[in-house]
Amino acid sequence: MSSIHPVQSNFLIPNKPNQTKNQKSKTEMNSLVVFFVGRVTEVSNRTRIEESDLAMVGNQRHHTPHRPRSKTLIFTLLLFSISLLVILYTFSSSSRPSISNPNKSDRTETSFVASLEQFLIHKAPKLSIRDDTVHGESDDDDLKKLDEKVFERENRLLIEDPVYPIGFPVKVYVYEMPKKFTFDLLWLFRNTYKETSNATSNGSPVHRLIEQHSVDYWLWADLISPESERRLKSVVRVHQQHEADFFYVPFFTTISFFLLEKQQCKAFYREALKWVTDQPAWKRSEGRDHIFPIHHPWSFKTVRKFVKNAIWLLPDMDSTGNWYKPGQVSLEKDLILPYVPNVDRCDDKCLSESAPKRTTLLFFRGRLKRNAGGKIRAKLGAELSGVKDVIITEGTSGEGGKLAAQGGMRRSLFCLCPAGDTPSSARLFDAIVSGCIPVIVSDELELPFEGILDYKKVAVIVSSSDAIQPGWLVNHLRSFIPSQVKKFQSSLAQYSRHFVYSSPAQPLGPEDLTWRMIAGKLVNIKLHTRRSLRVVKGSRSICRCDCWRPNSTTAANSLSPVLS
């Protein structure tokens, strides 16, 4: 794949008023209004008193009151009134949203492209990082110092904190990697995405794939934002390695895979790997408490074996061995994260308006010819083609495809979500945020945040063997009575927020649930880290629990037995 030359692009990003500052401005304005009204009233009263006194004196002396003094006071009143109008106008203008200098931090942005533009242009130049990242290879002394500091901290917490080591917020150290691994890759995407018309071998537009797998950006952008702008309570960034529960590696593995030349990318991966593994924290835990965003199944593939102990952020966990080798991934060690949806979220108003328009029973738009487990698509397409109230069409994930898919999902009760080249696809999350009940036909699928969310409440899950039986799937869907359908839809409305990435990251959004899930891994990680530091090398086999019994409703394959 050829590299892409940067080009400049401009964006027009709408702004949302800062409600908190508006309220403050209105309060201050009201206070000033009260002050000036009081002053005007005071002067007016004083004027009347003085004129009354003058009148009395005039009556006593049998001549008219002194008029020039009264005119002076009237002029003073007029001057106060004009000043009051000027101040009211000034405060009114300051309370309105500014177009030329918008306050970016108060807008919730869900578009990757728009959020990235805000981040690179407005936020990144202001970031100041002060931490103890080691720039260069660490030695044994660095490791010993870190271990002593970790012991002191954890021993203190054990005595002082009654819930340690379980608790929130999770403390995360974000490595200050060289910019070529972070900001430069983001700029590369930003400057080239409009020109990225090339596609992968299976026809998917490259820039859309990067957006779908941009979990690395959303997590990192939240972690490094100033605390005053952050909204999550489940995680906090720390700047000293000994204070951290986890270490986040901010390397954009998907962007580098798709936008760099093949050999350049391989060398880049090796360079990033060496940088991370030279850190004393990596050496202490052998990477067990390090978090790698490896969300595209092709990314970081050439060096994965060197980071097998780390926590991988994955789109799924293909136990067939097509994408990950046996022993590389597990639910105990790693975490499944949702794709970034291709379509816009259907909010409460949208759900209400679309409800009477959902006349299609089952909808699917995508590619029917896929590899591996995705071969089920062709069988489903043949079975469902031409069935009444069912729409099955070929389509791509470009801009036109997005609109067609979004419209189709919002007019349908159920959306077919079969396996693709991997067990998962972004279509599942497109359906959820569209209010369309997913029909999952993927026997090997693992789902994000399943320790927190119950997918049986929002999706119909069927086996591949049942789904391809003549007439079975449509009859099964027609068997759901209206009250059951409404219950699914009600749960979808509540769950959709869990799959919408945003900046700033929102409570109960996918970023928040990521850290809640990772927190549950902490005790086990500490156990294996300490054990690895004290066990005599080679004295016994590595303590493992690799359960390779796949989540399958079909016949067991060669990986079914528990590996020894």
Foldseek 3Di string as FASTA:
>chain_A
DAFFDFADDDDQDDADFDVVVLVVLVVVLVVVVVVLVVVLVVLVVVLVVVLVVQCVVCVVVVHDGDPVVSVVSVVVSVVSVVVNVVVVVVSVVVRDADRVDGDPLPDKDQQPLVVLVCCLPPPVVPFDADADQDDDFDDPVLLVVLVVLLVVVQVVCVVVPPPPPFDDQAEEEEHPDPCVQAVVLSSSCNRCVVVQQDADPVRAGLNVVCQQLVPLVLLVSQQRGPPVSADFTNYHYDRYPSPHLAYEYSGSQSSLCRNDPPVVSVVVLVVSVVSVCSTSVCVLLVAQRYEDEPADLVTSQVPLVSNQNHAYEYQWDFLVCPRPHASSDDPLRYFHFGTAALEDFQAPVNLVVLVVQQQAAEEDEEDQDADDQSVLSVLLCVQCPPDPSYYYYYDHSDPVRRVVLLVNLSNHQEYEFEQHNGQHDSVVLNNLRSLHAYEYEGQQGDDGLVVPDDSVQQHHYDYSVQSSPRPRPVVVSVPDDPVSSVSNSVVSNVQSQCNRRIVVGDVNHVSNSVSVSVSVSSVVSVVSSVCVVPDDPPPDDDDDFRQSQGSGPDDTDPSRDGDD
